[in-house]
Amino acid sequence: MTHSFTLTGERQPGRQGVKMDTSSEEYMRAFSIKGLNQVRPSSLVPQAVLRKDQASKQKKAGLILTDILSGLFLRDVFCEFLGTIFFLFISLSSAMLWPHAGSLSVVSIPDEPLPTLDSSLVSTPDPLHVSLAFGVSVALACVCLGEVHLNPVITLALVAGLKVSPWRGVLLVGVQLLAALSACALLLVVAPTTLSSNLGINEVAPGVYLYQALLVEMAATFQLVLCVQAATHPKSAFSSNAPAVIGLSVTLGHLMAIGFTGCGMNPARSFGPAVLTMNFHNHWVYWVGPCSGSLLAWFLHDLLLRPRWSCFGDWVTECKETLLKDLSIKPSDPEPNMEA
């Protein structure tokens, strides 16, 4: 007569093997409690782990989807899209004139009281004209729409500072690039044919080496991102006038860099004209330079000038936790995101 043992150690006649009337997790827990030296069945391992992983992924996906569909985030996305179109449409319309600025002088048409379109293309543009157009349009976009970035390098600095979650940063950058394409498409519709051939595309000036162009873009973006972080800090004396200060920073960057690279300082601004004109010559300069300058400015501000962490290791630890959670971060001392 055969005998079998249940998990409680009772012998039951007429049955053979171990009684398996419990779930896999209870089964393994009972074995652990009894201290029996049994080998865990391999068939139970993937099932338990798979159920746990699936539940975790479903919960995380549900939280992310809920956050995406929240009214506040959708409003932020809409403001980002509208603000970038407004900013680039106004500023690029003036930058489209810049390639013609050096061809002839204003003196060539002194006797014409009412200049025609062709002559105005030659006499109107100058670095100050373009710089003010960019700076004023940025300031107005910030005043009208509030906390907008309008620039992928600003979003990058906020992601590095753990003020914006990585997946939100990716969505915002995508919206900015889409808005840049939309603004350039509108310019193609409304601009004269003589102007729509270049769309104000950025190009490295003749005689400027690529490493020089890269350093110029880094310097221009560095001062912009540093100014944005300083002006929007709650303890800043200029927090109430942040849009005007940021607009001046954009103007300063163009006055400095427009003769070398056309002044990118904003990858979305360089991306839109490059795509619609299919001209990507040295286009990498307008991504690598601004992104490097943005990260350098973030490092200087958040880790040295106004340190938010005691050491770099604390930032690394918090960054890992953020990536594992994959949720939007609410910092201990939130700062407004009125950037451009």
C-alpha atoms as a PDB file:
ATOM      1  CA  MET A   1       0.000   0.000   0.000  1.00  0.00           C
ATOM      2  CA  THR A   2       1.457   3.324  -1.046  1.00  0.00           C
ATOM      3  CA  HIS A   3       1.478   6.430   1.097  1.00  0.00           C
ATOM      4  CA  SER A   4       1.856  10.120   0.387  1.00  0.00           C
ATOM      5  CA  PHE A   5       2.564  13.164   2.474  1.00  0.00           C
ATOM      6  CA  THR A   6       0.817  16.512   2.324  1.00  0.00           C
ATOM      7  CA  LEU A   7       2.646  19.749   2.944  1.00  0.00           C
ATOM      8  CA  THR A   8       1.708  19.560   6.634  1.00  0.00           C
ATOM      9  CA  GLY A   9       3.436  16.205   6.988  1.00  0.00           C
ATOM     10  CA  GLU A  10       0.278  14.095   7.289  1.00  0.00           C
ATOM     11  CA  ARG A  11       0.331  10.714   5.632  1.00  0.00           C
ATOM     12  CA  GLN A  12      -2.565   9.850   3.372  1.00  0.00           C
ATOM     13  CA  PRO A  13      -2.975   6.305   2.172  1.00  0.00           C
ATOM     14  CA  GLY A  14      -3.824   5.436  -1.386  1.00  0.00           C
ATOM     15  CA  ARG A  15      -2.151   8.424  -2.967  1.00  0.00           C
ATOM     16  CA  GLN A  16       1.282   8.807  -4.434  1.00  0.00           C
ATOM     17  CA  GLY A  17       3.423  11.986  -4.733  1.00  0.00           C
ATOM     18  CA  VAL A  18       3.048  15.403  -3.202  1.00  0.00           C
ATOM     19  CA  LYS A  19      -0.335  17.017  -2.953  1.00  0.00           C
ATOM     20  CA  MET A  20      -0.479  20.066  -5.281  1.00  0.00           C
ATOM     21  CA  ASP A  21      -3.750  21.701  -4.255  1.00  0.00           C
ATOM     22  CA  THR A  22      -2.213  25.101  -3.553  1.00  0.00           C
ATOM     23  CA  SER A  23      -1.052  27.802  -5.899  1.00  0.00           C
ATOM     24  CA  SER A  24       2.543  27.990  -7.029  1.00  0.00           C
ATOM     25  CA  GLU A  25       3.410  30.855  -4.683  1.00  0.00           C
ATOM     26  CA  GLU A  26       1.796  29.187  -1.663  1.00  0.00           C
ATOM     27  CA  TYR A  27       3.490  25.953  -2.617  1.00  0.00           C
ATOM     28  CA  MET A  28       6.948  27.487  -2.639  1.00  0.00           C
ATOM     29  CA  ARG A  29       6.227  29.447   0.543  1.00  0.00           C
ATOM     30  CA  ALA A  30       5.278  26.271   2.344  1.00  0.00           C
ATOM     31  CA  PHE A  31       8.471  24.590   1.239  1.00  0.00           C
ATOM     32  CA  SER A  32      10.486  27.555   2.465  1.00  0.00           C
ATOM     33  CA  ILE A  33       8.771  27.545   5.868  1.00  0.00           C
ATOM     34  CA  LYS A  34       9.233  23.807   6.398  1.00  0.00           C
ATOM     35  CA  GLY A  35      12.898  24.129   5.444  1.00  0.00           C
ATOM     36  CA  LEU A  36      12.726  21.175   3.090  1.00  0.00           C
ATOM     37  CA  ASN A  37      15.668  20.848   0.746  1.00  0.00           C
ATOM     38  CA  GLN A  38      13.608  20.561  -2.380  1.00  0.00           C
ATOM     39  CA  VAL A  39      14.472  21.841  -5.822  1.00  0.00           C
ATOM     40  CA  ARG A  40      12.079  24.514  -7.052  1.00  0.00           C
ATOM     41  CA  PRO A  41      10.191  23.204 -10.083  1.00  0.00           C
ATOM     42  CA  SER A  42      11.333  25.058 -13.168  1.00  0.00           C
ATOM     43  CA  SER A  43       7.806  25.202 -14.529  1.00  0.00           C
ATOM     44  CA  LEU A  44       6.746  27.443 -11.631  1.00  0.00           C
ATOM     45  CA  VAL A  45       9.475  30.081 -12.057  1.00  0.00           C
ATOM     46  CA  PRO A  46       8.508  31.738 -15.355  1.00  0.00           C
ATOM     47  CA  GLN A  47       4.803  31.794 -14.502  1.00  0.00           C
ATOM     48  CA  ALA A  48       5.207  33.677 -11.236  1.00  0.00           C
ATOM     49  CA  VAL A  49       7.806  36.068 -12.623  1.00  0.00           C
ATOM     50  CA  LEU A  50       5.815  36.650 -15.795  1.00  0.00           C
ATOM     51  CA  ARG A  51       2.634  37.500 -13.893  1.00  0.00           C
ATOM     52  CA  LYS A  52       4.541  39.939 -11.688  1.00  0.00           C
ATOM     53  CA  ASP A  53       6.275  41.627 -14.627  1.00  0.00           C
ATOM     54  CA  GLN A  54       3.066  41.917 -16.601  1.00  0.00           C
ATOM     55  CA  ALA A  55       1.253  43.479 -13.684  1.00  0.00           C
ATOM     56  CA  SER A  56       4.091  45.967 -13.150  1.00  0.00           C
ATOM     57  CA  LYS A  57       4.197  46.921 -16.834  1.00  0.00           C
ATOM     58  CA  GLN A  58       0.435  47.331 -17.025  1.00  0.00           C
ATOM     59  CA  LYS A  59       0.424  49.528 -13.936  1.00  0.00           C
ATOM     60  CA  LYS A  60       3.272  51.684 -15.266  1.00  0.00           C
ATOM     61  CA  ALA A  61       1.672  52.002 -18.707  1.00  0.00           C
ATOM     62  CA  GLY A  62      -1.614  52.977 -17.080  1.00  0.00           C
ATOM     63  CA  LEU A  63       0.048  55.703 -15.016  1.00  0.00           C
ATOM     64  CA  ILE A  64       1.899  57.100 -18.023  1.00  0.00           C
ATOM     65  CA  LEU A  65      -1.229  57.048 -20.191  1.00  0.00           C
ATOM     66  CA  THR A  66      -3.212  58.779 -17.461  1.00  0.00           C
ATOM     67  CA  ASP A  67      -0.529  61.453 -17.172  1.00  0.00           C
ATOM     68  CA  ILE A  68      -0.452  61.974 -20.957  1.00  0.00           C
ATOM     69  CA  LEU A  69      -4.207  62.365 -21.171  1.00  0.00           C
ATOM     70  CA  SER A  70      -4.364  64.732 -18.217  1.00  0.00           C
ATOM     71  CA  GLY A  71      -5.725  68.161 -19.006  1.00  0.00           C
ATOM     72  CA  LEU A  72      -2.697  70.017 -17.691  1.00  0.00           C
ATOM     73  CA  PHE A  73      -0.233  68.154 -19.862  1.00  0.00           C
ATOM     74  CA  LEU A  74      -2.387  68.470 -22.974  1.00  0.00           C
ATOM     75  CA  ARG A  75      -2.584  72.192 -22.317  1.00  0.00           C
ATOM     76  CA  ASP A  76       1.202  72.359 -21.999  1.00  0.00           C
ATOM     77  CA  VAL A  77       1.607  70.501 -25.290  1.00  0.00           C
ATOM     78  CA  PHE A  78      -0.818  72.829 -27.055  1.00  0.00           C
ATOM     79  CA  CYS A  79       0.910  75.944 -25.670  1.00  0.00           C
ATOM     80  CA  GLU A  80       4.286  74.536 -26.699  1.00  0.00           C
ATOM     81  CA  PHE A  81       3.077  73.899 -30.237  1.00  0.00           C
ATOM     82  CA  LEU A  82       1.359  77.267 -30.616  1.00  0.00           C
ATOM     83  CA  GLY A  83       4.212  79.214 -29.018  1.00  0.00           C
ATOM     84  CA  THR A  84       6.882  77.604 -31.191  1.00  0.00           C
ATOM     85  CA  ILE A  85       4.906  78.345 -34.358  1.00  0.00           C
ATOM     86  CA  PHE A  86       4.395  81.965 -33.275  1.00  0.00           C
ATOM     87  CA  PHE A  87       8.052  82.432 -32.358  1.00  0.00           C
ATOM     88  CA  LEU A  88       9.528  80.803 -35.469  1.00  0.00           C
ATOM     89  CA  PHE A  89       7.069  82.284 -37.946  1.00  0.00           C
ATOM     90  CA  ILE A  90       7.916  85.835 -36.850  1.00  0.00           C
ATOM     91  CA  SER A  91      11.644  85.343 -36.394  1.00  0.00           C
ATOM     92  CA  LEU A  92      12.268  83.288 -39.544  1.00  0.00           C
ATOM     93  CA  SER A  93      10.399  85.808 -41.661  1.00  0.00           C
ATOM     94  CA  SER A  94      13.124  88.313 -40.781  1.00  0.00           C
ATOM     95  CA  ALA A  95      15.930  85.750 -41.021  1.00  0.00           C
ATOM     96  CA  MET A  96      14.865  84.951 -44.593  1.00  0.00           C
ATOM     97  CA  LEU A  97      16.175  88.392 -45.549  1.00  0.00           C
ATOM     98  CA  TRP A  98      19.609  87.919 -43.974  1.00  0.00           C
ATOM     99  CA  PRO A  99      21.406  86.226 -46.928  1.00  0.00           C
ATOM    100  CA  HIS A 100      20.698  89.325 -49.060  1.00  0.00           C
ATOM    101  CA  ALA A 101      22.083  91.807 -46.556  1.00  0.00           C
ATOM    102  CA  GLY A 102      25.634  91.977 -47.837  1.00  0.00           C
ATOM    103  CA  SER A 103      24.960  91.960 -51.554  1.00  0.00           C
ATOM    104  CA  LEU A 104      24.212  95.667 -52.003  1.00  0.00           C
ATOM    105  CA  SER A 105      24.187  98.756 -49.856  1.00  0.00           C
ATOM    106  CA  VAL A 106      21.344 101.064 -48.919  1.00  0.00           C
ATOM    107  CA  VAL A 107      23.141 103.793 -50.845  1.00  0.00           C
ATOM    108  CA  SER A 108      22.315 101.999 -54.095  1.00  0.00           C
ATOM    109  CA  ILE A 109      18.680 103.188 -53.940  1.00  0.00           C
ATOM    110  CA  PRO A 110      18.779 106.675 -52.358  1.00  0.00           C
ATOM    111  CA  ASP A 111      16.516 108.393 -54.897  1.00  0.00           C
ATOM    112  CA  GLU A 112      13.623 105.924 -54.728  1.00  0.00           C
ATOM    113  CA  PRO A 113      10.963 107.305 -52.342  1.00  0.00           C
ATOM    114  CA  LEU A 114       8.890 104.115 -52.213  1.00  0.00           C
ATOM    115  CA  PRO A 115      11.201 101.072 -52.474  1.00  0.00           C
ATOM    116  CA  THR A 116       9.838  98.053 -54.286  1.00  0.00           C
ATOM    117  CA  LEU A 117       9.893  94.564 -52.798  1.00  0.00           C
ATOM    118  CA  ASP A 118      13.141  93.661 -54.577  1.00  0.00           C
ATOM    119  CA  SER A 119      14.959  96.746 -53.332  1.00  0.00           C
ATOM    120  CA  SER A 120      13.657  96.355 -49.779  1.00  0.00           C
ATOM    121  CA  LEU A 121      15.140  92.878 -49.682  1.00  0.00           C
ATOM    122  CA  VAL A 122      18.527  94.492 -50.117  1.00  0.00           C
ATOM    123  CA  SER A 123      18.230  97.466 -47.797  1.00  0.00           C
ATOM    124  CA  THR A 124      16.175  96.241 -44.827  1.00  0.00           C
ATOM    125  CA  PRO A 125      18.041  93.368 -43.170  1.00  0.00           C
ATOM    126  CA  ASP A 126      20.936  93.712 -40.775  1.00  0.00           C
ATOM    127  CA  PRO A 127      22.106  91.751 -37.702  1.00  0.00           C
ATOM    128  CA  LEU A 128      20.262  94.026 -35.292  1.00  0.00           C
ATOM    129  CA  HIS A 129      17.013  93.620 -37.251  1.00  0.00           C
ATOM    130  CA  VAL A 130      17.187  89.810 -37.097  1.00  0.00           C
ATOM    131  CA  SER A 131      18.376  89.718 -33.483  1.00  0.00           C
ATOM    132  CA  LEU A 132      15.547  91.933 -32.254  1.00  0.00           C
ATOM    133  CA  ALA A 133      13.000  89.877 -34.182  1.00  0.00           C
ATOM    134  CA  PHE A 134      14.118  86.698 -32.440  1.00  0.00           C
ATOM    135  CA  GLY A 135      14.396  88.273 -28.997  1.00  0.00           C
ATOM    136  CA  VAL A 136      11.096  90.154 -29.030  1.00  0.00           C
ATOM    137  CA  SER A 137       9.145  87.188 -30.440  1.00  0.00           C
ATOM    138  CA  VAL A 138      10.510  84.950 -27.672  1.00  0.00           C
ATOM    139  CA  ALA A 139       9.564  87.458 -24.976  1.00  0.00           C
ATOM    140  CA  LEU A 140       6.048  87.880 -26.367  1.00  0.00           C
ATOM    141  CA  ALA A 141       5.522  84.123 -26.603  1.00  0.00           C
ATOM    142  CA  CYS A 142       6.519  83.746 -22.940  1.00  0.00           C
ATOM    143  CA  VAL A 143       4.214  86.566 -21.848  1.00  0.00           C
ATOM    144  CA  CYS A 144       1.215  85.295 -23.821  1.00  0.00           C
ATOM    145  CA  LEU A 145       1.529  81.550 -23.202  1.00  0.00           C
ATOM    146  CA  GLY A 146       3.288  81.347 -19.857  1.00  0.00           C
ATOM    147  CA  GLU A 147       5.517  78.388 -19.033  1.00  0.00           C
ATOM    148  CA  VAL A 148       6.740  77.309 -22.453  1.00  0.00           C
ATOM    149  CA  HIS A 149      10.162  76.083 -23.588  1.00  0.00           C
ATOM    150  CA  LEU A 150      10.127  76.744 -27.367  1.00  0.00           C
ATOM    151  CA  ASN A 151      13.582  75.196 -27.592  1.00  0.00           C
ATOM    152  CA  PRO A 152      14.761  71.554 -27.323  1.00  0.00           C
ATOM    153  CA  VAL A 153      17.910  72.588 -25.430  1.00  0.00           C
ATOM    154  CA  ILE A 154      15.783  74.187 -22.696  1.00  0.00           C
ATOM    155  CA  THR A 155      13.816  70.964 -22.403  1.00  0.00           C
ATOM    156  CA  LEU A 156      17.103  69.047 -22.276  1.00  0.00           C
ATOM    157  CA  ALA A 157      18.342  71.182 -19.377  1.00  0.00           C
ATOM    158  CA  LEU A 158      15.090  70.618 -17.484  1.00  0.00           C
ATOM    159  CA  VAL A 159      15.278  66.862 -18.047  1.00  0.00           C
ATOM    160  CA  ALA A 160      18.885  66.833 -16.824  1.00  0.00           C
ATOM    161  CA  GLY A 161      17.783  68.832 -13.782  1.00  0.00           C
ATOM    162  CA  LEU A 162      15.018  66.257 -13.078  1.00  0.00           C
ATOM    163  CA  LYS A 163      12.315  68.920 -13.378  1.00  0.00           C
ATOM    164  CA  VAL A 164      10.753  67.192 -16.397  1.00  0.00           C
ATOM    165  CA  SER A 165      10.528  63.423 -16.787  1.00  0.00           C
ATOM    166  CA  PRO A 166      12.436  61.917 -19.750  1.00  0.00           C
ATOM    167  CA  TRP A 167       9.349  60.687 -21.604  1.00  0.00           C
ATOM    168  CA  ARG A 168       7.674  64.093 -21.238  1.00  0.00           C
ATOM    169  CA  GLY A 169      10.845  65.700 -22.544  1.00  0.00           C
ATOM    170  CA  VAL A 170      10.757  63.469 -25.629  1.00  0.00           C
ATOM    171  CA  LEU A 171       7.131  64.413 -26.316  1.00  0.00           C
ATOM    172  CA  LEU A 172       7.820  68.126 -25.894  1.00  0.00           C
ATOM    173  CA  VAL A 173      10.826  68.019 -28.226  1.00  0.00           C
ATOM    174  CA  GLY A 174       8.712  66.181 -30.804  1.00  0.00           C
ATOM    175  CA  VAL A 175       6.043  68.889 -30.546  1.00  0.00           C
ATOM    176  CA  GLN A 176       8.678  71.602 -30.968  1.00  0.00           C
ATOM    177  CA  LEU A 177      10.072  69.983 -34.116  1.00  0.00           C
ATOM    178  CA  LEU A 178       6.580  69.516 -35.541  1.00  0.00           C
ATOM    179  CA  ALA A 179       5.792  73.158 -34.831  1.00  0.00           C
ATOM    180  CA  ALA A 180       9.008  74.221 -36.577  1.00  0.00           C
ATOM    181  CA  LEU A 181       7.965  72.310 -39.688  1.00  0.00           C
ATOM    182  CA  SER A 182       4.504  73.872 -39.522  1.00  0.00           C
ATOM    183  CA  ALA A 183       5.912  77.396 -39.202  1.00  0.00           C
ATOM    184  CA  CYS A 184       8.191  76.884 -42.210  1.00  0.00           C
ATOM    185  CA  ALA A 185       5.307  75.450 -44.219  1.00  0.00           C
ATOM    186  CA  LEU A 186       3.268  78.586 -43.455  1.00  0.00           C
ATOM    187  CA  LEU A 187       6.187  80.727 -44.578  1.00  0.00           C
ATOM    188  CA  LEU A 188       6.294  78.854 -47.881  1.00  0.00           C
ATOM    189  CA  VAL A 189       2.642  79.774 -48.418  1.00  0.00           C
ATOM    190  CA  VAL A 190       2.778  83.464 -47.497  1.00  0.00           C
ATOM    191  CA  ALA A 191       6.325  84.477 -48.499  1.00  0.00           C
ATOM    192  CA  PRO A 192       7.197  85.672 -52.019  1.00  0.00           C
ATOM    193  CA  THR A 193       8.896  83.202 -54.301  1.00  0.00           C
ATOM    194  CA  THR A 194      12.177  85.136 -54.183  1.00  0.00           C
ATOM    195  CA  LEU A 195      12.374  84.581 -50.419  1.00  0.00           C
ATOM    196  CA  SER A 196      10.970  81.087 -49.982  1.00  0.00           C
ATOM    197  CA  SER A 197      14.031  79.390 -51.469  1.00  0.00           C
ATOM    198  CA  ASN A 198      16.080  79.538 -48.242  1.00  0.00           C
ATOM    199  CA  LEU A 199      13.563  79.972 -45.369  1.00  0.00           C
ATOM    200  CA  GLY A 200      16.280  81.547 -43.241  1.00  0.00           C
ATOM    201  CA  ILE A 201      18.318  78.341 -43.092  1.00  0.00           C
ATOM    202  CA  ASN A 202      21.420  78.389 -40.902  1.00  0.00           C
ATOM    203  CA  GLU A 203      24.759  77.947 -42.646  1.00  0.00           C
ATOM    204  CA  VAL A 204      28.330  78.211 -41.464  1.00  0.00           C
ATOM    205  CA  ALA A 205      29.879  81.396 -42.859  1.00  0.00           C
ATOM    206  CA  PRO A 206      32.725  81.074 -45.379  1.00  0.00           C
ATOM    207  CA  GLY A 207      36.124  80.972 -43.721  1.00  0.00           C
ATOM    208  CA  VAL A 208      34.740  79.672 -40.401  1.00  0.00           C
ATOM    209  CA  TYR A 209      36.030  76.228 -39.424  1.00  0.00           C
ATOM    210  CA  LEU A 210      33.558  73.679 -38.109  1.00  0.00           C
ATOM    211  CA  TYR A 211      35.158  73.557 -34.665  1.00  0.00           C
ATOM    212  CA  GLN A 212      34.841  77.345 -34.483  1.00  0.00           C
ATOM    213  CA  ALA A 213      31.190  77.167 -35.483  1.00  0.00           C
ATOM    214  CA  LEU A 214      30.649  74.467 -32.848  1.00  0.00           C
ATOM    215  CA  LEU A 215      32.224  76.604 -30.122  1.00  0.00           C
ATOM    216  CA  VAL A 216      30.194  79.659 -31.154  1.00  0.00           C
ATOM    217  CA  GLU A 217      26.947  77.667 -30.948  1.00  0.00           C
ATOM    218  CA  MET A 218      27.994  76.277 -27.569  1.00  0.00           C
ATOM    219  CA  ALA A 219      28.761  79.752 -26.212  1.00  0.00           C
ATOM    220  CA  ALA A 220      25.521  81.299 -27.480  1.00  0.00           C
ATOM    221  CA  THR A 221      23.400  78.472 -26.082  1.00  0.00           C
ATOM    222  CA  PHE A 222      25.330  78.409 -22.809  1.00  0.00           C
ATOM    223  CA  GLN A 223      24.504  82.012 -22.004  1.00  0.00           C
ATOM    224  CA  LEU A 224      20.852  81.492 -23.008  1.00  0.00           C
ATOM    225  CA  VAL A 225      20.256  78.405 -20.819  1.00  0.00           C
ATOM    226  CA  LEU A 226      22.153  79.920 -17.901  1.00  0.00           C
ATOM    227  CA  CYS A 227      20.079  83.094 -18.193  1.00  0.00           C
ATOM    228  CA  VAL A 228      16.845  81.062 -18.345  1.00  0.00           C
ATOM    229  CA  GLN A 229      17.716  79.092 -15.226  1.00  0.00           C
ATOM    230  CA  ALA A 230      18.817  82.170 -13.314  1.00  0.00           C
ATOM    231  CA  ALA A 231      15.863  84.364 -14.360  1.00  0.00           C
ATOM    232  CA  THR A 232      13.214  81.713 -13.590  1.00  0.00           C
ATOM    233  CA  HIS A 233      14.616  80.773 -10.196  1.00  0.00           C
ATOM    234  CA  PRO A 234      12.111  81.643  -7.427  1.00  0.00           C
ATOM    235  CA  LYS A 235      14.751  83.601  -5.513  1.00  0.00           C
ATOM    236  CA  SER A 236      15.904  85.557  -8.546  1.00  0.00           C
ATOM    237  CA  ALA A 237      15.471  89.317  -8.540  1.00  0.00           C
ATOM    238  CA  PHE A 238      14.365  89.100 -12.188  1.00  0.00           C
ATOM    239  CA  SER A 239      11.770  86.317 -11.778  1.00  0.00           C
ATOM    240  CA  SER A 240       8.897  88.747 -12.409  1.00  0.00           C
ATOM    241  CA  ASN A 241      10.631  90.073 -15.547  1.00  0.00           C
ATOM    242  CA  ALA A 242      11.842  86.705 -16.824  1.00  0.00           C
ATOM    243  CA  PRO A 243      10.349  87.039 -20.361  1.00  0.00           C
ATOM    244  CA  ALA A 244      12.132  90.349 -20.980  1.00  0.00           C
ATOM    245  CA  VAL A 245      15.429  89.022 -19.619  1.00  0.00           C
ATOM    246  CA  ILE A 246      15.198  85.870 -21.746  1.00  0.00           C
ATOM    247  CA  GLY A 247      14.362  87.935 -24.816  1.00  0.00           C
ATOM    248  CA  LEU A 248      17.472  90.059 -24.233  1.00  0.00           C
ATOM    249  CA  SER A 249      19.536  86.888 -23.897  1.00  0.00           C
ATOM    250  CA  VAL A 250      18.252  85.624 -27.256  1.00  0.00           C
ATOM    251  CA  THR A 251      19.039  88.987 -28.832  1.00  0.00           C
ATOM    252  CA  LEU A 252      22.548  88.946 -27.378  1.00  0.00           C
ATOM    253  CA  GLY A 253      23.188  85.444 -28.678  1.00  0.00           C
ATOM    254  CA  HIS A 254      22.202  86.447 -32.204  1.00  0.00           C
ATOM    255  CA  LEU A 255      24.310  89.589 -32.139  1.00  0.00           C
ATOM    256  CA  MET A 256      27.280  87.442 -31.163  1.00  0.00           C
ATOM    257  CA  ALA A 257      26.814  84.413 -33.431  1.00  0.00           C
ATOM    258  CA  ILE A 258      24.853  85.537 -36.479  1.00  0.00           C
ATOM    259  CA  GLY A 259      27.966  86.445 -38.452  1.00  0.00           C
ATOM    260  CA  PHE A 260      29.582  83.032 -37.802  1.00  0.00           C
ATOM    261  CA  THR A 261      26.784  80.468 -38.039  1.00  0.00           C
ATOM    262  CA  GLY A 262      23.594  82.433 -38.581  1.00  0.00           C
ATOM    263  CA  CYS A 263      22.986  81.666 -34.864  1.00  0.00           C
ATOM    264  CA  GLY A 264      21.141  78.422 -34.384  1.00  0.00           C
ATOM    265  CA  MET A 265      20.926  78.306 -30.577  1.00  0.00           C
ATOM    266  CA  ASN A 266      17.704  76.354 -31.108  1.00  0.00           C
ATOM    267  CA  PRO A 267      17.772  72.975 -32.902  1.00  0.00           C
ATOM    268  CA  ALA A 268      14.090  73.278 -33.819  1.00  0.00           C
ATOM    269  CA  ARG A 269      14.787  76.626 -35.519  1.00  0.00           C
ATOM    270  CA  SER A 270      17.528  74.984 -37.593  1.00  0.00           C
ATOM    271  CA  PHE A 271      15.589  71.761 -38.188  1.00  0.00           C
ATOM    272  CA  GLY A 272      12.504  73.234 -39.867  1.00  0.00           C
ATOM    273  CA  PRO A 273      14.222  75.128 -42.722  1.00  0.00           C
ATOM    274  CA  ALA A 274      16.726  72.282 -43.235  1.00  0.00           C
ATOM    275  CA  VAL A 275      13.947  69.717 -43.761  1.00  0.00           C
ATOM    276  CA  LEU A 276      11.805  71.793 -46.122  1.00  0.00           C
ATOM    277  CA  THR A 277      14.805  72.886 -48.208  1.00  0.00           C
ATOM    278  CA  MET A 278      16.480  69.434 -47.928  1.00  0.00           C
ATOM    279  CA  ASN A 279      19.758  71.106 -47.035  1.00  0.00           C
ATOM    280  CA  PHE A 280      21.500  69.292 -44.158  1.00  0.00           C
ATOM    281  CA  HIS A 281      25.018  70.516 -44.882  1.00  0.00           C
ATOM    282  CA  ASN A 282      26.834  70.767 -41.512  1.00  0.00           C
ATOM    283  CA  HIS A 283      23.457  70.418 -39.838  1.00  0.00           C
ATOM    284  CA  TRP A 284      24.987  68.422 -36.965  1.00  0.00           C
ATOM    285  CA  VAL A 285      26.703  71.595 -35.736  1.00  0.00           C
ATOM    286  CA  TYR A 286      23.292  73.056 -34.840  1.00  0.00           C
ATOM    287  CA  TRP A 287      22.476  70.047 -32.667  1.00  0.00           C
ATOM    288  CA  VAL A 288      25.778  69.121 -31.024  1.00  0.00           C
ATOM    289  CA  GLY A 289      26.794  72.699 -30.210  1.00  0.00           C
ATOM    290  CA  PRO A 290      23.524  73.835 -28.559  1.00  0.00           C
ATOM    291  CA  CYS A 291      23.011  70.552 -26.679  1.00  0.00           C
ATOM    292  CA  SER A 292      26.569  70.669 -25.310  1.00  0.00           C
ATOM    293  CA  GLY A 293      26.161  74.291 -24.240  1.00  0.00           C
ATOM    294  CA  SER A 294      22.834  73.466 -22.577  1.00  0.00           C
ATOM    295  CA  LEU A 295      24.271  70.609 -20.500  1.00  0.00           C
ATOM    296  CA  LEU A 296      27.255  72.742 -19.512  1.00  0.00           C
ATOM    297  CA  ALA A 297      24.964  75.555 -18.334  1.00  0.00           C
ATOM    298  CA  TRP A 298      22.790  73.097 -16.386  1.00  0.00           C
ATOM    299  CA  PHE A 299      25.851  71.614 -14.682  1.00  0.00           C
ATOM    300  CA  LEU A 300      27.155  75.052 -13.711  1.00  0.00           C
ATOM    301  CA  HIS A 301      23.833  76.304 -12.353  1.00  0.00           C
ATOM    302  CA  ASP A 302      22.350  73.255 -10.599  1.00  0.00           C
ATOM    303  CA  LEU A 303      25.566  71.753  -9.259  1.00  0.00           C
ATOM    304  CA  LEU A 304      27.810  74.755  -8.624  1.00  0.00           C
ATOM    305  CA  LEU A 305      26.065  78.148  -8.529  1.00  0.00           C
ATOM    306  CA  ARG A 306      22.785  77.056  -6.900  1.00  0.00           C
ATOM    307  CA  PRO A 307      23.481  73.450  -5.905  1.00  0.00           C
ATOM    308  CA  ARG A 308      20.413  71.282  -5.526  1.00  0.00           C
ATOM    309  CA  TRP A 309      22.437  68.184  -4.613  1.00  0.00           C
ATOM    310  CA  SER A 310      25.337  67.879  -2.172  1.00  0.00           C
ATOM    311  CA  CYS A 311      27.443  66.019  -4.732  1.00  0.00           C
ATOM    312  CA  PHE A 312      27.261  64.610  -8.234  1.00  0.00           C
ATOM    313  CA  GLY A 313      26.631  61.122  -6.824  1.00  0.00           C
ATOM    314  CA  ASP A 314      23.349  62.295  -5.268  1.00  0.00           C
ATOM    315  CA  TRP A 315      22.185  63.485  -8.666  1.00  0.00           C
ATOM    316  CA  VAL A 316      23.113  60.124 -10.212  1.00  0.00           C
ATOM    317  CA  THR A 317      21.148  58.275  -7.527  1.00  0.00           C
ATOM    318  CA  GLU A 318      18.054  60.438  -7.988  1.00  0.00           C
ATOM    319  CA  CYS A 319      18.369  60.156 -11.760  1.00  0.00           C
ATOM    320  CA  LYS A 320      18.357  56.348 -11.539  1.00  0.00           C
ATOM    321  CA  GLU A 321      15.276  56.419  -9.336  1.00  0.00           C
ATOM    322  CA  THR A 322      13.561  58.712 -11.813  1.00  0.00           C
ATOM    323  CA  LEU A 323      14.332  56.440 -14.741  1.00  0.00           C
ATOM    324  CA  LEU A 324      13.093  53.390 -12.831  1.00  0.00           C
ATOM    325  CA  LYS A 325       9.851  55.050 -11.790  1.00  0.00           C
ATOM    326  CA  ASP A 326       9.331  56.568 -15.243  1.00  0.00           C
ATOM    327  CA  LEU A 327       6.962  59.115 -13.742  1.00  0.00           C
ATOM    328  CA  SER A 328       6.894  62.887 -13.745  1.00  0.00           C
ATOM    329  CA  ILE A 329       9.043  64.355 -10.967  1.00  0.00           C
ATOM    330  CA  LYS A 330       7.825  67.036  -8.609  1.00  0.00           C
ATOM    331  CA  PRO A 331      10.985  68.660  -7.190  1.00  0.00           C
ATOM    332  CA  SER A 332      11.226  69.792  -3.607  1.00  0.00           C
ATOM    333  CA  ASP A 333      11.616  73.436  -4.642  1.00  0.00           C
ATOM    334  CA  PRO A 334       9.747  73.734  -7.927  1.00  0.00           C
ATOM    335  CA  GLU A 335      10.804  76.451 -10.323  1.00  0.00           C
ATOM    336  CA  PRO A 336       8.699  77.924 -13.109  1.00  0.00           C
ATOM    337  CA  ASN A 337       9.530  76.796 -16.624  1.00  0.00           C
ATOM    338  CA  MET A 338       9.117  80.081 -18.477  1.00  0.00           C
ATOM    339  CA  GLU A 339      11.848  79.444 -21.009  1.00  0.00           C
ATOM    340  CA  ALA A 340      12.427  79.972 -24.685  1.00  0.00           C
END
